[in-house]
Amino acid sequence: MTRYERVPEPPETRHHPEDEIDLRELFAILWAGKWVIILITILFAAAGVAYALYKPDIYQANALLAPAEGEAGGRLGGQLGSLASLAGVNIGEDGSSNTVIAKEVLQSRAFLTDFIRRHKLEAPLMATKAWNSRQREWVYNREIYSPETDEWGTNENGNSLQPTNWDLVKKFKQSHLSISENQENGMVTVSVKSFSPVAAKQWTDWLVKDINEHMRAEDIQEAEASISYLEAKLNETNIAGMQQVFYQLIERETRTVMLANAQREYVFRTVDPAVVPQEKAEPKRALIAIIATMLGGMIGIFVVFVSSFIRSWKEQNESRRSEG
């Protein structure tokens, strides 16, 4: 190659107009179908507003709880430990925690079934459609339940609409109960949703009280059963060493019963009690209307583009046929 020869330039990239997106053409398509887009957007917006207004207000009550272990237990345990040490008995510290167990029991099927049945929440859970704030009473679906006769309706096949335990627990857990735990400080928040702000607060209070009483009764029952067993074994042996062990175990179980009866809030201590909510938690009516409007606009644009594509495809086929 001489110094006067030119290096060949790379071939120019050829642009194919048919491969490019013509923004002007897209805008023209949208402008031509603007009334379709506007109509669909208005229809979706109206439907969203109607749905938001149709949905009844839902209120949520919250109770902030802290583990109650170690408070009264620590005070009484220290006193009993001092007395026991004078007698040569060593009472170890109880390192087990019932908080995790209590949180799971609170969501268990057996506990919730007993809770719903004990407080007669079957009809408020399954047969209500609103809350009358003026008269402070439930508005029932008369086709499902009659509050005057306390009778449940029947379906098309003649079967009773009275809910089973499975139905009650499923409804309560999915639509009403929410339990969360702060992993940093161990605080537990129990939340209950309801059409009625009064019921939301009352059900939350009942849950906190019932789980404390349930765990208290369980521990007392187990401790008393252990005491009875240990006393029977104590009477069966004459070995001084075994008797000393049995005395220690009996004293330990007696301490458990004393601590359970001494604490008013056994497992969970209420840090921030539930109050009657003054503002609704659901539905977010403005958000529903905005989402419905945006969805309508997107569907309107999609319909216009699809219609334009189909129309263009048909025209091309017709032109090919005419040329052929």
Protein backbone atom coordinates (compact mmCIF):
# COMPACT_ATOMS: atom_id res chain seq x y z
CA MET A 1 0.00 0.00 0.00
CA THR A 2 1.41 3.36 -1.07
CA ARG A 3 1.26 6.45 0.98
CA TYR A 4 -1.27 7.93 -1.42
CA GLU A 5 -3.75 5.10 -1.22
CA ARG A 6 -6.75 5.75 0.96
CA VAL A 7 -7.92 3.35 3.60
CA PRO A 8 -11.36 2.07 2.62
CA GLU A 9 -14.07 3.43 4.83
CA PRO A 10 -16.46 1.01 6.52
CA PRO A 11 -19.72 0.55 4.71
CA GLU A 12 -22.42 2.87 5.90
CA THR A 13 -25.10 1.35 8.00
CA ARG A 14 -28.26 1.22 6.07
CA HIS A 15 -31.36 2.16 7.98
CA HIS A 16 -34.55 0.36 7.17
CA PRO A 17 -37.49 2.62 7.83
CA GLU A 18 -39.75 -0.34 8.36
CA ASP A 19 -37.58 -1.48 11.33
CA GLU A 20 -37.81 1.83 13.17
CA ILE A 21 -40.54 3.00 15.47
CA ASP A 22 -42.15 6.12 14.10
CA LEU A 23 -43.23 8.14 17.11
CA ARG A 24 -45.34 10.36 14.94
CA GLU A 25 -47.20 7.33 13.65
CA LEU A 26 -47.78 6.05 17.19
CA PHE A 27 -49.05 9.44 18.26
CA ALA A 28 -51.32 9.53 15.23
CA ILE A 29 -52.74 6.12 16.18
CA LEU A 30 -53.38 7.30 19.73
CA TRP A 31 -54.92 10.52 18.54
CA ALA A 32 -57.22 8.69 16.16
CA GLY A 33 -58.36 6.40 18.98
CA LYS A 34 -58.48 9.08 21.67
CA TRP A 35 -62.22 8.73 22.20
CA VAL A 36 -61.89 4.99 22.73
CA ILE A 37 -59.16 5.59 25.31
CA ILE A 38 -61.17 8.30 27.05
CA LEU A 39 -64.31 6.16 27.11
CA ILE A 40 -62.58 3.11 28.56
CA THR A 41 -60.73 5.26 31.12
CA ILE A 42 -64.00 6.88 32.24
CA LEU A 43 -65.70 3.49 32.52
CA PHE A 44 -62.89 2.07 34.66
CA ALA A 45 -62.74 5.21 36.80
CA ALA A 46 -66.49 5.07 37.42
CA ALA A 47 -66.28 1.37 38.26
CA GLY A 48 -63.38 2.02 40.65
CA VAL A 49 -65.24 4.81 42.43
CA ALA A 50 -68.38 2.69 42.68
CA TYR A 51 -66.43 -0.24 44.10
CA ALA A 52 -64.61 1.99 46.60
CA LEU A 53 -67.89 3.51 47.79
CA TYR A 54 -69.55 0.10 47.98
CA LYS A 55 -66.89 -1.36 50.26
CA PRO A 56 -67.74 -0.77 53.94
CA ASP A 57 -65.31 0.90 56.32
CA ILE A 58 -62.97 -1.43 58.20
CA TYR A 59 -61.35 -0.39 61.47
CA GLN A 60 -58.24 -1.79 63.11
CA ALA A 61 -57.34 -1.86 66.79
CA ASN A 62 -53.75 -2.58 67.92
CA ALA A 63 -52.30 -3.70 71.25
CA LEU A 64 -48.55 -3.53 71.88
CA LEU A 65 -47.36 -6.32 74.16
CA ALA A 66 -44.08 -7.16 75.88
CA PRO A 67 -42.98 -10.47 77.38
CA ALA A 68 -44.07 -10.48 81.03
CA GLU A 69 -41.62 -13.13 82.14
CA GLY A 70 -38.93 -12.22 84.60
CA GLU A 71 -40.78 -9.43 86.41
CA ALA A 72 -42.88 -10.89 89.19
CA GLY A 73 -41.04 -14.17 88.64
CA GLY A 74 -37.72 -12.52 89.33
CA ARG A 75 -38.94 -10.80 92.50
CA LEU A 76 -40.64 -13.81 94.03
CA GLY A 77 -38.03 -16.19 92.70
CA GLY A 78 -35.28 -14.25 94.43
CA GLN A 79 -37.11 -14.34 97.77
CA LEU A 80 -37.85 -18.06 97.48
CA GLY A 81 -34.29 -18.71 96.36
CA SER A 82 -32.91 -17.01 99.47
CA LEU A 83 -35.15 -19.05 101.75
CA ALA A 84 -34.33 -22.23 99.91
CA SER A 85 -30.61 -21.55 100.14
CA LEU A 86 -30.88 -21.45 103.96
CA ALA A 87 -32.30 -24.94 103.83
CA GLY A 88 -29.58 -26.08 101.44
CA VAL A 89 -31.82 -26.23 98.41
CA ASN A 90 -30.65 -24.66 95.14
CA ILE A 91 -33.47 -23.38 92.93
CA GLY A 92 -32.15 -22.82 89.44
CA GLU A 93 -33.34 -20.01 87.22
CA ASP A 94 -36.01 -20.95 84.72
CA GLY A 95 -34.50 -20.07 81.36
CA SER A 96 -37.37 -21.27 79.22
CA SER A 97 -39.58 -18.69 77.58
CA ASN A 98 -43.30 -19.10 76.97
CA THR A 99 -43.55 -16.05 74.74
CA VAL A 100 -42.82 -17.90 71.50
CA ILE A 101 -45.20 -20.69 72.47
CA ALA A 102 -47.90 -18.21 73.46
CA LYS A 103 -47.61 -16.40 70.12
CA GLU A 104 -48.12 -19.66 68.25
CA VAL A 105 -50.97 -20.72 70.54
CA LEU A 106 -52.63 -17.37 69.87
CA GLN A 107 -52.85 -18.35 66.19
CA SER A 108 -53.64 -22.01 66.74
CA ARG A 109 -56.88 -23.58 65.57
CA ALA A 110 -57.79 -24.99 69.00
CA PHE A 111 -57.34 -21.68 70.83
CA LEU A 112 -59.17 -19.59 68.23
CA THR A 113 -62.05 -22.05 68.05
CA ASP A 114 -62.49 -21.88 71.81
CA PHE A 115 -62.11 -18.08 71.71
CA ILE A 116 -64.79 -17.61 69.03
CA ARG A 117 -67.23 -20.01 70.67
CA ARG A 118 -66.72 -18.62 74.17
CA HIS A 119 -67.39 -15.03 73.14
CA LYS A 120 -70.18 -15.97 70.68
CA LEU A 121 -68.54 -14.40 67.64
CA GLU A 122 -69.98 -16.80 65.05
CA ALA A 123 -72.64 -14.43 63.69
CA PRO A 124 -70.49 -11.23 63.80
CA LEU A 125 -67.77 -13.08 61.89
CA MET A 126 -69.80 -14.85 59.23
CA ALA A 127 -73.14 -13.07 58.81
CA THR A 128 -72.52 -9.33 59.09
CA LYS A 129 -72.20 -6.91 56.20
CA ALA A 130 -71.79 -3.58 58.01
CA TRP A 131 -71.88 -1.75 61.34
CA ASN A 132 -74.59 0.75 62.24
CA SER A 133 -72.62 3.45 64.05
CA ARG A 134 -75.72 5.37 65.12
CA GLN A 135 -77.50 2.46 66.76
CA ARG A 136 -74.19 0.74 67.59
CA GLU A 137 -75.30 -2.63 66.32
CA TRP A 138 -74.46 -5.10 63.58
CA VAL A 139 -76.17 -5.10 60.21
CA TYR A 140 -76.76 -8.76 59.40
CA ASN A 141 -77.27 -10.50 56.09
CA ARG A 142 -80.74 -11.90 56.71
CA GLU A 143 -80.30 -14.58 54.07
CA ILE A 144 -77.47 -16.06 56.14
CA TYR A 145 -78.51 -15.42 59.74
CA SER A 146 -81.54 -14.15 61.64
CA PRO A 147 -80.58 -12.40 64.90
CA GLU A 148 -84.17 -12.42 66.17
CA THR A 149 -84.48 -16.21 66.11
CA ASP A 150 -80.77 -17.00 66.35
CA GLU A 151 -81.12 -19.32 63.37
CA TRP A 152 -78.93 -19.81 60.31
CA GLY A 153 -80.33 -19.89 56.80
CA THR A 154 -80.01 -22.62 54.21
CA ASN A 155 -78.48 -22.72 50.73
CA GLU A 156 -80.07 -23.85 47.46
CA ASN A 157 -79.52 -27.50 48.35
CA GLY A 158 -81.21 -27.11 51.72
CA ASN A 159 -77.97 -27.36 53.71
CA SER A 160 -77.51 -25.14 56.74
CA LEU A 161 -75.27 -22.09 56.40
CA GLN A 162 -74.11 -22.40 59.99
CA PRO A 163 -70.29 -22.24 59.86
CA THR A 164 -68.04 -25.01 61.07
CA ASN A 165 -65.04 -24.52 63.34
CA TRP A 166 -62.84 -24.66 60.25
CA ASP A 167 -64.82 -21.86 58.58
CA LEU A 168 -64.72 -19.67 61.68
CA VAL A 169 -60.98 -19.96 62.26
CA LYS A 170 -60.19 -19.47 58.56
CA LYS A 171 -62.32 -16.33 58.39
CA PHE A 172 -60.90 -14.90 61.61
CA LYS A 173 -57.25 -15.48 60.64
CA GLN A 174 -57.60 -14.26 57.05
CA SER A 175 -59.80 -11.21 57.54
CA HIS A 176 -59.45 -10.08 61.15
CA LEU A 177 -56.37 -11.25 63.08
CA SER A 178 -52.81 -10.05 62.52
CA ILE A 179 -49.81 -10.71 64.78
CA SER A 180 -46.36 -9.24 64.25
CA GLU A 181 -43.16 -9.23 66.29
CA ASN A 182 -40.37 -6.68 66.43
CA GLN A 183 -37.21 -8.75 66.12
CA GLU A 184 -35.07 -6.03 67.71
CA ASN A 185 -36.88 -5.66 71.04
CA GLY A 186 -39.23 -8.67 71.11
CA MET A 187 -42.39 -6.54 71.26
CA VAL A 188 -45.51 -8.21 69.87
CA THR A 189 -48.34 -6.31 68.18
CA VAL A 190 -51.79 -7.91 68.09
CA SER A 191 -54.14 -6.30 65.56
CA VAL A 192 -57.80 -7.00 64.91
CA LYS A 193 -59.86 -5.64 62.00
CA SER A 194 -63.62 -5.32 62.00
CA PHE A 195 -66.51 -3.37 60.51
CA SER A 196 -67.10 -2.12 64.05
CA PRO A 197 -64.45 0.02 65.79
CA VAL A 198 -65.93 -1.04 69.13
CA ALA A 199 -65.68 -4.72 68.25
CA ALA A 200 -62.11 -4.32 66.99
CA LYS A 201 -61.02 -2.93 70.35
CA GLN A 202 -63.05 -5.43 72.38
CA TRP A 203 -61.83 -8.46 70.46
CA THR A 204 -58.22 -7.32 70.86
CA ASP A 205 -58.66 -6.98 74.63
CA TRP A 206 -60.28 -10.40 74.81
CA LEU A 207 -57.44 -12.01 72.87
CA VAL A 208 -54.76 -10.57 75.17
CA LYS A 209 -56.67 -11.55 78.30
CA ASP A 210 -57.54 -15.04 77.06
CA ILE A 211 -54.01 -15.95 75.96
CA ASN A 212 -52.67 -14.90 79.35
CA GLU A 213 -55.30 -16.95 81.17
CA HIS A 214 -54.81 -19.91 78.83
CA MET A 215 -51.06 -20.06 79.37
CA ARG A 216 -51.51 -19.53 83.13
CA ALA A 217 -54.00 -22.41 83.38
CA GLU A 218 -51.75 -24.68 81.31
CA ASP A 219 -48.71 -24.06 83.51
CA ILE A 220 -50.67 -24.42 86.76
CA GLN A 221 -52.25 -27.66 85.56
CA GLU A 222 -48.89 -29.12 84.57
CA ALA A 223 -47.24 -27.98 87.82
CA GLU A 224 -50.01 -29.42 89.99
CA ALA A 225 -49.89 -32.72 88.11
CA SER A 226 -46.12 -32.82 88.63
CA ILE A 227 -46.52 -32.08 92.36
CA SER A 228 -49.01 -34.93 92.76
CA TYR A 229 -46.70 -37.33 90.96
CA LEU A 230 -43.64 -36.24 92.95
CA GLU A 231 -45.47 -36.50 96.30
CA ALA A 232 -46.53 -40.05 95.42
CA LYS A 233 -42.97 -40.98 94.56
CA LEU A 234 -41.73 -39.30 97.74
CA ASN A 235 -43.97 -41.52 99.85
CA GLU A 236 -42.67 -44.60 98.07
CA THR A 237 -38.98 -44.11 98.89
CA ASN A 238 -36.99 -44.09 102.12
CA ILE A 239 -33.69 -43.05 100.58
CA ALA A 240 -32.63 -39.70 102.00
CA GLY A 241 -30.88 -38.60 98.81
CA MET A 242 -33.93 -39.32 96.65
CA GLN A 243 -36.21 -37.61 99.16
CA GLN A 244 -34.03 -34.50 98.97
CA VAL A 245 -34.33 -34.51 95.16
CA PHE A 246 -38.11 -34.91 95.32
CA TYR A 247 -38.39 -32.06 97.84
CA GLN A 248 -36.41 -29.81 95.49
CA LEU A 249 -38.61 -30.71 92.53
CA ILE A 250 -41.81 -30.25 94.54
CA GLU A 251 -40.62 -26.86 95.75
CA ARG A 252 -39.77 -25.87 92.20
CA GLU A 253 -43.23 -26.81 90.91
CA THR A 254 -44.87 -25.06 93.89
CA ARG A 255 -42.91 -21.95 92.96
CA THR A 256 -44.30 -22.19 89.43
CA VAL A 257 -47.86 -22.26 90.78
CA MET A 258 -47.18 -19.28 93.07
CA LEU A 259 -45.69 -17.22 90.25
CA ALA A 260 -48.57 -18.04 87.92
CA ASN A 261 -51.13 -16.90 90.46
CA ALA A 262 -49.15 -13.79 91.44
CA GLN A 263 -48.90 -12.26 87.96
CA ARG A 264 -51.97 -10.51 86.57
CA GLU A 265 -50.53 -10.51 83.05
CA TYR A 266 -48.86 -13.87 82.88
CA VAL A 267 -47.18 -14.13 79.47
CA PHE A 268 -47.79 -10.77 77.78
CA ARG A 269 -47.68 -7.41 79.55
CA THR A 270 -49.68 -4.67 77.85
CA VAL A 271 -47.45 -1.73 76.95
CA ASP A 272 -49.96 0.14 74.79
CA PRO A 273 -53.55 -1.10 75.17
CA ALA A 274 -56.03 -1.17 72.31
CA VAL A 275 -58.35 1.81 71.91
CA VAL A 276 -61.47 2.33 69.82
CA PRO A 277 -60.11 3.50 66.43
CA GLN A 278 -61.43 6.83 65.21
CA GLU A 279 -60.20 6.48 61.62
CA LYS A 280 -60.82 3.66 59.18
CA ALA A 281 -57.95 1.43 58.09
CA GLU A 282 -59.61 0.23 54.88
CA PRO A 283 -60.56 0.70 52.13
CA LYS A 284 -58.18 3.25 50.58
CA ARG A 285 -60.85 4.75 48.34
CA ALA A 286 -58.68 7.39 46.68
CA LEU A 287 -56.02 4.81 45.88
CA ILE A 288 -58.61 2.41 44.44
CA ALA A 289 -60.01 5.15 42.19
CA ILE A 290 -56.53 6.18 40.98
CA ILE A 291 -55.50 2.61 40.22
CA ALA A 292 -58.75 1.92 38.37
CA THR A 293 -58.31 5.08 36.28
CA MET A 294 -54.71 4.22 35.40
CA LEU A 295 -55.69 0.66 34.54
CA GLY A 296 -58.48 1.93 32.30
CA GLY A 297 -56.08 4.24 30.48
CA MET A 298 -53.57 1.46 29.87
CA ILE A 299 -56.25 -0.93 28.66
CA GLY A 300 -57.64 1.80 26.37
CA ILE A 301 -54.20 2.36 24.81
CA PHE A 302 -53.73 -1.39 24.41
CA VAL A 303 -57.12 -1.73 22.69
CA VAL A 304 -56.31 1.12 20.27
CA PHE A 305 -52.92 -0.36 19.32
CA VAL A 306 -54.35 -3.86 18.87
CA SER A 307 -57.19 -2.52 16.73
CA SER A 308 -54.70 -0.55 14.61
CA PHE A 309 -52.48 -3.59 14.19
CA ILE A 310 -55.39 -5.81 13.13
CA ARG A 311 -56.64 -3.17 10.72
CA SER A 312 -53.16 -2.76 9.20
CA TRP A 313 -52.73 -6.51 8.90
CA LYS A 314 -56.05 -6.87 7.08
CA GLU A 315 -55.14 -4.05 4.68
CA GLN A 316 -51.83 -5.69 3.84
CA ASN A 317 -53.52 -9.00 3.17
CA GLU A 318 -56.09 -7.37 0.93
CA SER A 319 -53.38 -5.50 -1.03
CA ARG A 320 -51.43 -8.72 -1.54
CA ARG A 321 -54.52 -10.50 -2.78
CA SER A 322 -55.29 -7.68 -5.19
CA GLU A 323 -51.72 -7.71 -6.50
CA GLY A 324 -51.81 -11.47 -6.87
